[in-house]
Amino acid sequence: MKDNLTQSIYTIKADFDKDITCAFVSDLHDRPNEPMLKIFEDNKTEVVLVGGDFVHNGKKYSRGLEFLKLSSDKYPTFVEIGNHETKSGLDIIKLVKESGATLLDDTFIEYKGVVIGGLTTGFGFGHKQSAFMRTPEPHLEWLKEFENQKGFKILLNHHPEYYPRYLKDLNIDLILSGHAHGGQWRLGKYGLIAPGQGLFPKYTSGMYDNKLIVSRGANSVNLIPRINNKPEVVIIRLEK
């Protein structure tokens, strides 16, 4: 089957000494890696940001871990933990570290003037999940220190439903989310359904408030097929 992965490009002006190109991928769900890596190469990517759900479950995870290794062999690669990681039953913390990627588990790191944080999902290991239940609150205390850092701040935040509740008014320059899979069926600019947001969700694809970018996710696998909703890699050009 032909891979229908596409790319979306955002240009953001910031106070940098030099331009930086980042690739953001979310919701890989153990998909084939070559098309993503090709997009990275074509866009001269310098940094890869992974917004959770790179594995699918405890049986489908090998390509997700292979992706982290292939990516980190070539690019600085920063990873947060999504809900599929926590319910996979795998020792995700150990596996990510073994891949060579940098795990951001409710913490942050500075890279070339960019401060990158990773907000871990509130779904703890073994926590039950459903499309219509409220997403549990994550650990928020560490964000105070993150906000106070100098430099351009990017937060990997798997759940876009966290944005209006906890993140919208924080001193963070850019928040990157996934999880919504573009709303599965897209009607113009709008999605039909998303976990944690229910029917007709607000945050499914694109940029909101010049602060939040929501990826449609890199994989099209789901019980509900996608309609008018191609999977994507997000390219972010941070320009001086």
Protein backbone atom coordinates (compact mmCIF):
# COMPACT_ATOMS: atom_id res chain seq x y z
CA MET A 1 0.00 0.00 0.00
CA LYS A 2 1.33 3.46 -0.92
CA ASP A 3 2.41 5.54 2.05
CA ASN A 4 0.32 8.75 2.20
CA LEU A 5 2.48 10.56 4.73
CA THR A 6 2.66 14.30 4.08
CA GLN A 7 4.40 17.28 5.68
CA SER A 8 3.28 20.60 7.12
CA ILE A 9 5.76 23.47 7.46
CA TYR A 10 5.61 26.30 10.00
CA THR A 11 7.99 29.26 10.14
CA ILE A 12 8.38 30.95 13.51
CA LYS A 13 10.44 34.07 14.20
CA ALA A 14 12.48 33.95 17.37
CA ASP A 15 15.51 35.51 19.04
CA PHE A 16 18.22 33.15 17.80
CA ASP A 17 21.81 33.49 16.67
CA LYS A 18 21.05 31.15 13.74
CA ASP A 19 18.10 29.38 12.16
CA ILE A 20 17.12 25.91 13.42
CA THR A 21 14.92 23.38 11.60
CA CYS A 22 13.02 20.94 13.81
CA ALA A 23 10.94 17.94 12.78
CA PHE A 24 8.03 17.05 15.06
CA VAL A 25 6.43 13.59 14.84
CA SER A 26 3.69 12.19 17.03
CA ASP A 27 1.51 9.07 17.09
CA LEU A 28 3.81 6.84 15.06
CA HIS A 29 2.10 3.72 16.44
CA ASP A 30 4.92 1.53 15.13
CA ARG A 31 4.57 2.69 11.51
CA PRO A 32 7.25 2.17 8.78
CA ASN A 33 10.16 4.53 9.31
CA GLU A 34 11.61 5.26 5.87
CA PRO A 35 9.07 7.92 4.74
CA MET A 36 9.57 9.93 7.94
CA LEU A 37 13.35 9.78 7.70
CA LYS A 38 13.16 10.87 4.06
CA ILE A 39 11.16 13.97 5.03
CA PHE A 40 13.74 14.77 7.72
CA GLU A 41 16.53 14.54 5.18
CA ASP A 42 14.73 16.54 2.49
CA ASN A 43 14.15 19.40 4.95
CA LYS A 44 17.70 19.43 6.32
CA THR A 45 16.39 18.68 9.79
CA GLU A 46 18.68 19.49 12.72
CA VAL A 47 16.54 18.37 15.68
CA VAL A 48 13.82 15.70 15.97
CA LEU A 49 11.03 16.04 18.53
CA VAL A 50 8.84 13.00 19.28
CA GLY A 51 5.49 13.73 20.89
CA GLY A 52 4.50 10.36 22.30
CA ASP A 53 2.79 7.18 21.05
CA PHE A 54 5.81 5.99 19.07
CA VAL A 55 4.84 2.44 20.12
CA HIS A 56 1.34 1.03 19.64
CA ASN A 57 1.09 -1.68 22.31
CA GLY A 58 3.05 -4.47 23.98
CA LYS A 59 3.14 -6.46 20.73
CA LYS A 60 3.64 -3.70 18.15
CA TYR A 61 6.62 -1.64 19.23
CA SER A 62 9.78 -2.77 17.41
CA ARG A 63 9.59 -0.22 14.57
CA GLY A 64 8.90 2.57 17.04
CA LEU A 65 12.04 1.75 18.98
CA GLU A 66 13.97 1.30 15.74
CA PHE A 67 12.83 4.78 14.71
CA LEU A 68 14.26 6.29 17.89
CA LYS A 69 17.60 4.61 17.23
CA LEU A 70 17.75 5.56 13.54
CA SER A 71 16.76 9.12 14.31
CA SER A 72 19.13 9.59 17.24
CA ASP A 73 22.01 8.13 15.22
CA LYS A 74 21.67 11.10 12.87
CA TYR A 75 19.91 13.87 14.81
CA PRO A 76 19.56 15.01 18.42
CA THR A 77 16.22 13.34 19.23
CA PHE A 78 14.03 14.31 22.18
CA VAL A 79 11.12 12.15 23.31
CA GLU A 80 8.14 12.47 25.65
CA ILE A 81 5.88 9.70 26.98
CA GLY A 82 2.35 9.35 25.55
CA ASN A 83 -0.59 7.26 26.69
CA HIS A 84 0.25 4.28 24.44
CA GLU A 85 3.67 4.00 26.04
CA THR A 86 2.15 3.82 29.51
CA LYS A 87 -0.37 1.14 28.58
CA SER A 88 2.08 -0.97 26.55
CA GLY A 89 3.49 -2.78 29.59
CA LEU A 90 7.02 -2.11 28.31
CA ASP A 91 9.86 -0.59 30.31
CA ILE A 92 9.70 2.55 28.19
CA ILE A 93 12.18 4.59 30.22
CA LYS A 94 14.84 1.91 29.81
CA LEU A 95 14.09 1.30 26.12
CA VAL A 96 14.19 4.97 25.16
CA LYS A 97 17.51 5.47 26.92
CA GLU A 98 18.94 2.40 25.18
CA SER A 99 17.89 3.82 21.79
CA GLY A 100 20.16 6.84 22.18
CA ALA A 101 17.29 9.34 22.23
CA THR A 102 16.90 11.81 25.09
CA LEU A 103 13.87 11.09 27.27
CA LEU A 104 12.03 14.13 28.66
CA ASP A 105 9.86 12.63 31.40
CA ASP A 106 8.41 15.73 33.13
CA THR A 107 11.71 17.51 32.67
CA PHE A 108 13.55 19.79 30.24
CA ILE A 109 16.91 20.29 28.56
CA GLU A 110 18.64 23.17 26.75
CA TYR A 111 19.84 22.70 23.18
CA LYS A 112 21.44 25.56 21.22
CA GLY A 113 19.36 28.25 22.88
CA VAL A 114 16.14 26.23 22.74
CA VAL A 115 14.75 24.87 26.00
CA ILE A 116 12.83 21.66 25.26
CA GLY A 117 10.46 20.15 27.82
CA GLY A 118 8.41 16.96 27.82
CA LEU A 119 5.11 16.73 29.72
CA THR A 120 4.37 13.07 30.46
CA THR A 121 0.79 11.85 29.99
CA GLY A 122 -1.44 11.74 33.05
CA PHE A 123 -2.46 8.20 32.17
CA GLY A 124 -0.31 6.19 34.55
CA PHE A 125 0.92 2.70 33.79
CA GLY A 126 -2.09 0.37 33.81
CA HIS A 127 -4.61 3.24 33.85
CA LYS A 128 -7.86 2.56 31.99
CA GLN A 129 -8.55 4.81 29.01
CA SER A 130 -11.46 5.67 26.71
CA ALA A 131 -12.21 8.24 24.04
CA PHE A 132 -14.75 10.14 26.12
CA MET A 133 -13.22 10.09 29.60
CA ARG A 134 -11.44 13.16 30.97
CA THR A 135 -7.69 12.86 30.58
CA PRO A 136 -6.11 12.65 34.06
CA GLU A 137 -4.12 15.63 35.27
CA PRO A 138 -0.37 15.38 34.57
CA HIS A 139 2.43 16.41 36.91
CA LEU A 140 2.51 20.19 36.59
CA GLU A 141 4.84 21.33 39.38
CA TRP A 142 8.01 21.16 37.29
CA LEU A 143 6.57 23.58 34.70
CA LYS A 144 7.25 26.52 37.05
CA GLU A 145 10.99 26.01 36.68
CA PHE A 146 10.59 25.39 32.95
CA GLU A 147 8.73 28.70 32.51
CA ASN A 148 11.55 30.59 34.22
CA GLN A 149 14.25 29.38 31.83
CA LYS A 150 15.89 31.84 29.45
CA GLY A 151 15.66 31.07 25.76
CA PHE A 152 12.94 29.91 23.37
CA LYS A 153 10.82 27.31 25.18
CA ILE A 154 9.21 24.35 23.38
CA LEU A 155 6.97 21.95 25.31
CA LEU A 156 6.19 18.47 24.00
CA ASN A 157 2.65 17.89 25.23
CA HIS A 158 1.04 14.76 23.81
CA HIS A 159 -2.51 15.74 24.86
CA PRO A 160 -3.89 18.92 23.22
CA GLU A 161 -6.80 18.81 25.67
CA TYR A 162 -4.28 19.86 28.33
CA TYR A 163 -3.71 23.16 26.52
CA PRO A 164 -6.84 25.14 27.59
CA ARG A 165 -6.87 23.58 31.07
CA TYR A 166 -3.28 23.98 32.18
CA LEU A 167 -0.94 25.44 29.56
CA LYS A 168 -2.51 28.26 27.56
CA ASP A 169 -1.48 31.08 29.86
CA LEU A 170 1.98 29.79 30.79
CA ASN A 171 5.20 31.49 29.70
CA ILE A 172 5.96 28.92 26.99
CA ASP A 173 6.71 29.98 23.41
CA LEU A 174 5.57 26.87 21.53
CA ILE A 175 3.59 23.77 22.53
CA LEU A 176 3.57 20.67 20.30
CA SER A 177 0.79 18.08 20.58
CA GLY A 178 -0.65 15.05 18.82
CA HIS A 179 -3.05 12.40 20.19
CA ALA A 180 -6.13 13.66 18.31
CA HIS A 181 -5.21 11.94 15.01
CA GLY A 182 -6.64 14.92 13.17
CA GLY A 183 -10.13 14.12 14.42
CA GLN A 184 -10.23 10.96 12.21
CA TRP A 185 -12.83 12.35 9.77
CA ARG A 186 -12.11 15.93 8.71
CA LEU A 187 -14.90 18.20 7.54
CA GLY A 188 -13.06 21.22 6.16
CA LYS A 189 -10.96 22.56 9.06
CA TYR A 190 -12.70 20.46 11.68
CA GLY A 191 -12.31 16.93 13.02
CA LEU A 192 -15.11 14.58 14.08
CA ILE A 193 -13.81 12.89 17.23
CA ALA A 194 -10.69 12.87 19.40
CA PRO A 195 -9.77 11.07 22.63
CA GLY A 196 -10.12 13.34 25.64
CA GLN A 197 -12.08 15.90 23.58
CA GLY A 198 -15.03 13.82 22.39
CA LEU A 199 -17.18 14.79 19.40
CA PHE A 200 -16.30 17.86 17.31
CA PRO A 201 -13.02 18.54 19.13
CA LYS A 202 -11.43 21.97 19.01
CA TYR A 203 -7.73 21.02 18.81
CA THR A 204 -7.03 18.50 16.04
CA SER A 205 -4.72 19.95 13.36
CA GLY A 206 -2.75 23.12 12.73
CA MET A 207 -1.75 26.13 14.81
CA TYR A 208 -3.83 27.72 17.56
CA ASP A 209 -3.20 31.09 19.25
CA ASN A 210 0.21 31.26 17.55
CA LYS A 211 1.34 29.02 20.39
CA LEU A 212 -0.01 25.46 19.99
CA ILE A 213 0.68 23.20 17.00
CA VAL A 214 -1.32 19.97 16.83
CA SER A 215 -0.02 17.25 14.50
CA ARG A 216 -2.46 14.90 12.80
CA GLY A 217 -0.04 12.11 13.68
CA ALA A 218 2.25 10.02 11.50
CA ASN A 219 0.19 6.82 11.28
CA SER A 220 -3.24 6.18 9.79
CA VAL A 221 -3.90 2.96 11.75
CA ASN A 222 -7.04 3.14 13.88
CA LEU A 223 -10.34 1.31 14.37
CA ILE A 224 -11.99 4.34 12.75
CA PRO A 225 -10.48 5.00 9.28
CA ARG A 226 -9.24 8.47 8.36
CA ILE A 227 -11.24 10.52 5.86
CA ASN A 228 -9.79 13.72 4.31
CA ASN A 229 -7.07 13.43 6.92
CA LYS A 230 -3.57 12.47 5.78
CA PRO A 231 -0.95 11.60 8.42
CA GLU A 232 1.87 14.11 8.67
CA VAL A 233 5.30 15.13 9.81
CA VAL A 234 5.49 18.71 11.10
CA ILE A 235 8.52 20.78 10.07
CA ILE A 236 9.20 23.86 12.20
CA ARG A 237 11.66 26.45 10.95
CA LEU A 238 12.80 28.64 13.84
CA GLU A 239 14.23 31.74 12.16
CA LYS A 240 16.35 34.49 13.69
